[in-house]
Amino acid sequence: MPITPREIEDRFEDAALTLRRLPNPPGSGPRGYGGSWPEYVQEAKHAYGYAEAQMRVVPSASDIQKMDDCIAWLHLLDPEDARIVWLRAEGVRWRQVCYRAGVVRSTAWRRWAAALLTIAKHLNAIEKSGARKEAARKAQSKPDHTGA
C-alpha cells in the first residue's frame, strides 16, 4: 500500500513530539558562565519534596527509531524545505513559518506540500523495489513443476 503525504505529515508530528519528550535533565547542556557548585536548597519546604510532582512520559525505543527515520528523510529535501516541514511538524503557525523562511504563505505551503510528496515518492519507490526483489527471490526459490 503506498504511503501518502498525510501519513508522512503525521509521522513528522509524532517525531517532533518524541523529540520534546526525550529527557533533558538540568545540567546536561553547556554550563556557560557561573559557578560550578551544585544548586543547594534555599528553604526547608523545598528539601522534602513539597513541590508539585511532574510526570514525564519517556518515549520508547521504537518511537525514537521512527523519529530518527523522519530526521533522515529531511536529508532528501532542500534545507529550506526541510526547515518548513520541521517547523510545521512542531506545530508552528504558518505566519511564523513564513517569517522564518522568508517567503509568503502560498509559497511556504507549496514548498511544504511538494516536500511531503517528494518524501512519499521516495519511500514508495523503495517499497516497490523491495517488493520486486522479494518477488524475484521467491520465484527463484520455487522448484519447477512442469514435469519436464
C-alpha atoms as a PDB file:
ATOM      1  CA  MET A   1       0.000   0.000   0.000  1.00  0.00           C
ATOM      2  CA  PRO A   2       1.531   3.338  -0.984  1.00  0.00           C
ATOM      3  CA  ILE A   3       2.449   5.866   1.669  1.00  0.00           C
ATOM      4  CA  THR A   4       0.524   9.137   1.446  1.00  0.00           C
ATOM      5  CA  PRO A   5       1.779  12.639   2.265  1.00  0.00           C
ATOM      6  CA  ARG A   6      -0.790  12.793   5.096  1.00  0.00           C
ATOM      7  CA  GLU A   7       0.813   9.734   6.739  1.00  0.00           C
ATOM      8  CA  ILE A   8       4.226  11.366   6.394  1.00  0.00           C
ATOM      9  CA  GLU A   9       2.891  14.551   7.968  1.00  0.00           C
ATOM     10  CA  ASP A  10       1.586  12.514  10.907  1.00  0.00           C
ATOM     11  CA  ARG A  11       4.933  10.747  11.274  1.00  0.00           C
ATOM     12  CA  PHE A  12       6.749  14.095  11.389  1.00  0.00           C
ATOM     13  CA  GLU A  13       4.349  15.384  14.058  1.00  0.00           C
ATOM     14  CA  ASP A  14       4.975  12.234  16.109  1.00  0.00           C
ATOM     15  CA  ALA A  15       8.726  12.682  15.635  1.00  0.00           C
ATOM     16  CA  ALA A  16       8.581  16.271  16.920  1.00  0.00           C
ATOM     17  CA  LEU A  17       6.565  15.099  19.943  1.00  0.00           C
ATOM     18  CA  THR A  18       9.093  12.327  20.607  1.00  0.00           C
ATOM     19  CA  LEU A  19      11.956  14.803  20.443  1.00  0.00           C
ATOM     20  CA  ARG A  20      10.194  17.028  23.001  1.00  0.00           C
ATOM     21  CA  ARG A  21       9.665  14.030  25.302  1.00  0.00           C
ATOM     22  CA  LEU A  22      13.292  12.955  25.357  1.00  0.00           C
ATOM     23  CA  PRO A  23      14.820  13.502  28.779  1.00  0.00           C
ATOM     24  CA  ASN A  24      16.911  16.633  29.142  1.00  0.00           C
ATOM     25  CA  PRO A  25      17.862  16.859  32.812  1.00  0.00           C
ATOM     26  CA  PRO A  26      19.130  20.127  34.239  1.00  0.00           C
ATOM     27  CA  GLY A  27      22.861  20.444  33.854  1.00  0.00           C
ATOM     28  CA  SER A  28      23.035  18.181  30.800  1.00  0.00           C
ATOM     29  CA  GLY A  29      23.705  21.098  28.455  1.00  0.00           C
ATOM     30  CA  PRO A  30      26.566  23.545  28.349  1.00  0.00           C
ATOM     31  CA  ARG A  31      27.126  25.341  31.645  1.00  0.00           C
ATOM     32  CA  GLY A  32      28.042  28.769  30.338  1.00  0.00           C
ATOM     33  CA  TYR A  33      29.069  31.340  32.898  1.00  0.00           C
ATOM     34  CA  GLY A  34      28.536  30.805  36.584  1.00  0.00           C
ATOM     35  CA  GLY A  35      29.663  28.714  39.481  1.00  0.00           C
ATOM     36  CA  SER A  36      30.475  25.056  39.269  1.00  0.00           C
ATOM     37  CA  TRP A  37      28.898  24.226  42.621  1.00  0.00           C
ATOM     38  CA  PRO A  38      25.593  22.330  42.564  1.00  0.00           C
ATOM     39  CA  GLU A  39      22.383  24.117  43.425  1.00  0.00           C
ATOM     40  CA  TYR A  40      21.525  23.963  47.104  1.00  0.00           C
ATOM     41  CA  VAL A  41      18.188  24.133  48.844  1.00  0.00           C
ATOM     42  CA  GLN A  42      17.161  27.632  49.913  1.00  0.00           C
ATOM     43  CA  GLU A  43      14.229  26.684  52.129  1.00  0.00           C
ATOM     44  CA  ALA A  44      13.359  23.584  54.158  1.00  0.00           C
ATOM     45  CA  LYS A  45       9.993  23.149  52.464  1.00  0.00           C
ATOM     46  CA  HIS A  46      11.757  22.554  49.113  1.00  0.00           C
ATOM     47  CA  ALA A  47      14.062  19.902  50.581  1.00  0.00           C
ATOM     48  CA  TYR A  48      11.395  17.320  51.321  1.00  0.00           C
ATOM     49  CA  GLY A  49       9.505  17.114  48.060  1.00  0.00           C
ATOM     50  CA  TYR A  50       6.767  19.602  48.802  1.00  0.00           C
ATOM     51  CA  ALA A  51       6.986  20.859  45.275  1.00  0.00           C
ATOM     52  CA  GLU A  52       4.375  19.705  42.811  1.00  0.00           C
ATOM     53  CA  ALA A  53       5.196  16.362  41.179  1.00  0.00           C
ATOM     54  CA  GLN A  54       5.849  16.380  37.453  1.00  0.00           C
ATOM     55  CA  MET A  55       5.035  13.349  35.327  1.00  0.00           C
ATOM     56  CA  ARG A  56       7.173  12.749  32.281  1.00  0.00           C
ATOM     57  CA  VAL A  57       6.427  10.209  29.555  1.00  0.00           C
ATOM     58  CA  VAL A  58       9.712   8.899  28.170  1.00  0.00           C
ATOM     59  CA  PRO A  59       9.433   7.649  24.556  1.00  0.00           C
ATOM     60  CA  SER A  60      10.038   4.007  23.722  1.00  0.00           C
ATOM     61  CA  ALA A  61      12.887   2.718  21.577  1.00  0.00           C
ATOM     62  CA  SER A  62      10.557   2.234  18.594  1.00  0.00           C
ATOM     63  CA  ASP A  63       9.365   5.859  18.899  1.00  0.00           C
ATOM     64  CA  ILE A  64      12.976   7.052  18.897  1.00  0.00           C
ATOM     65  CA  GLN A  65      13.740   4.878  15.850  1.00  0.00           C
ATOM     66  CA  LYS A  66      10.756   6.339  13.974  1.00  0.00           C
ATOM     67  CA  MET A  67      11.949   9.832  14.911  1.00  0.00           C
ATOM     68  CA  ASP A  68      15.423   9.031  13.565  1.00  0.00           C
ATOM     69  CA  ASP A  69      13.866   7.787  10.313  1.00  0.00           C
ATOM     70  CA  CYS A  70      11.921  11.046   9.926  1.00  0.00           C
ATOM     71  CA  ILE A  71      15.025  13.117  10.539  1.00  0.00           C
ATOM     72  CA  ALA A  72      16.834  11.047   7.889  1.00  0.00           C
ATOM     73  CA  TRP A  73      14.009  11.842   5.444  1.00  0.00           C
ATOM     74  CA  LEU A  74      14.780  15.535   5.849  1.00  0.00           C
ATOM     75  CA  HIS A  75      18.116  14.927   4.101  1.00  0.00           C
ATOM     76  CA  LEU A  76      16.165  14.150   0.916  1.00  0.00           C
ATOM     77  CA  LEU A  77      14.976  17.760   0.807  1.00  0.00           C
ATOM     78  CA  ASP A  78      16.435  21.163   0.172  1.00  0.00           C
ATOM     79  CA  PRO A  79      17.469  22.679   3.565  1.00  0.00           C
ATOM     80  CA  GLU A  80      14.881  25.468   3.330  1.00  0.00           C
ATOM     81  CA  ASP A  81      12.111  22.983   2.553  1.00  0.00           C
ATOM     82  CA  ALA A  82      13.267  20.701   5.377  1.00  0.00           C
ATOM     83  CA  ARG A  83      13.066  23.641   7.757  1.00  0.00           C
ATOM     84  CA  ILE A  84       9.492  24.382   6.687  1.00  0.00           C
ATOM     85  CA  VAL A  85       8.493  20.733   7.127  1.00  0.00           C
ATOM     86  CA  TRP A  86      10.051  20.525  10.597  1.00  0.00           C
ATOM     87  CA  LEU A  87       8.550  23.836  11.757  1.00  0.00           C
ATOM     88  CA  ARG A  88       5.098  22.642  10.721  1.00  0.00           C
ATOM     89  CA  ALA A  89       5.702  19.293  12.483  1.00  0.00           C
ATOM     90  CA  GLU A  90       6.468  21.207  15.678  1.00  0.00           C
ATOM     91  CA  GLY A  91       3.116  22.986  15.341  1.00  0.00           C
ATOM     92  CA  VAL A  92       4.474  26.414  14.438  1.00  0.00           C
ATOM     93  CA  ARG A  93       1.800  28.608  12.843  1.00  0.00           C
ATOM     94  CA  TRP A  94       2.050  29.432   9.148  1.00  0.00           C
ATOM     95  CA  ARG A  95       2.663  33.095   9.892  1.00  0.00           C
ATOM     96  CA  GLN A  96       5.810  32.261  11.892  1.00  0.00           C
ATOM     97  CA  VAL A  97       6.906  29.687   9.294  1.00  0.00           C
ATOM     98  CA  CYS A  98       6.660  32.324   6.582  1.00  0.00           C
ATOM     99  CA  TYR A  99       8.570  34.838   8.696  1.00  0.00           C
ATOM    100  CA  ARG A 100      11.382  32.377   9.480  1.00  0.00           C
ATOM    101  CA  ALA A 101      11.601  31.047   5.920  1.00  0.00           C
ATOM    102  CA  GLY A 102      11.335  34.493   4.330  1.00  0.00           C
ATOM    103  CA  VAL A 103       8.533  33.579   1.919  1.00  0.00           C
ATOM    104  CA  VAL A 104       4.836  34.331   1.540  1.00  0.00           C
ATOM    105  CA  ARG A 105       2.252  31.852   2.777  1.00  0.00           C
ATOM    106  CA  SER A 106       1.315  30.392  -0.601  1.00  0.00           C
ATOM    107  CA  THR A 107       4.979  29.714  -1.399  1.00  0.00           C
ATOM    108  CA  ALA A 108       5.589  28.177   2.020  1.00  0.00           C
ATOM    109  CA  TRP A 109       2.553  25.904   1.699  1.00  0.00           C
ATOM    110  CA  ARG A 110       3.514  24.887  -1.851  1.00  0.00           C
ATOM    111  CA  ARG A 111       7.075  24.038  -0.780  1.00  0.00           C
ATOM    112  CA  TRP A 112       5.753  22.112   2.260  1.00  0.00           C
ATOM    113  CA  ALA A 113       3.337  20.066   0.130  1.00  0.00           C
ATOM    114  CA  ALA A 114       6.000  19.401  -2.519  1.00  0.00           C
ATOM    115  CA  ALA A 115       8.431  18.260   0.170  1.00  0.00           C
ATOM    116  CA  LEU A 116       5.909  15.776   1.575  1.00  0.00           C
ATOM    117  CA  LEU A 117       5.230  14.488  -1.944  1.00  0.00           C
ATOM    118  CA  THR A 118       8.970  14.108  -2.572  1.00  0.00           C
ATOM    119  CA  ILE A 119       9.401  12.032   0.569  1.00  0.00           C
ATOM    120  CA  ALA A 120       6.322   9.917  -0.255  1.00  0.00           C
ATOM    121  CA  LYS A 121       7.575   9.288  -3.784  1.00  0.00           C
ATOM    122  CA  HIS A 122      10.999   8.253  -2.493  1.00  0.00           C
ATOM    123  CA  LEU A 123       9.569   5.900   0.153  1.00  0.00           C
ATOM    124  CA  ASN A 124       7.095   4.345  -2.280  1.00  0.00           C
ATOM    125  CA  ALA A 125       9.910   3.743  -4.786  1.00  0.00           C
ATOM    126  CA  ILE A 126      11.950   1.992  -2.089  1.00  0.00           C
ATOM    127  CA  GLU A 127       8.936  -0.084  -1.049  1.00  0.00           C
ATOM    128  CA  LYS A 128       8.180  -1.026  -4.657  1.00  0.00           C
ATOM    129  CA  SER A 129      11.776  -2.040  -5.413  1.00  0.00           C
ATOM    130  CA  GLY A 130      11.880  -4.061  -2.177  1.00  0.00           C
ATOM    131  CA  ALA A 131       8.659  -5.848  -3.188  1.00  0.00           C
ATOM    132  CA  ARG A 132      10.095  -6.588  -6.647  1.00  0.00           C
ATOM    133  CA  LYS A 133      13.275  -8.027  -5.149  1.00  0.00           C
ATOM    134  CA  GLU A 134      11.244 -10.164  -2.742  1.00  0.00           C
ATOM    135  CA  ALA A 135       9.038 -11.488  -5.582  1.00  0.00           C
ATOM    136  CA  ALA A 136      12.103 -12.284  -7.692  1.00  0.00           C
ATOM    137  CA  ARG A 137      13.715 -14.092  -4.756  1.00  0.00           C
ATOM    138  CA  LYS A 138      10.556 -16.179  -4.184  1.00  0.00           C
ATOM    139  CA  ALA A 139      10.299 -17.000  -7.894  1.00  0.00           C
ATOM    140  CA  GLN A 140      13.905 -18.228  -7.974  1.00  0.00           C
ATOM    141  CA  SER A 141      13.478 -20.383  -4.875  1.00  0.00           C
ATOM    142  CA  LYS A 142      10.361 -22.244  -6.146  1.00  0.00           C
ATOM    143  CA  PRO A 143      11.090 -25.550  -7.891  1.00  0.00           C
ATOM    144  CA  ASP A 144       9.903 -26.017 -11.454  1.00  0.00           C
ATOM    145  CA  HIS A 145       6.903 -28.457 -11.552  1.00  0.00           C
ATOM    146  CA  THR A 146       6.354 -28.533 -15.300  1.00  0.00           C
ATOM    147  CA  GLY A 147       7.016 -32.264 -15.475  1.00  0.00           C
ATOM    148  CA  ALA A 148       9.845 -31.941 -17.954  1.00  0.00           C
END
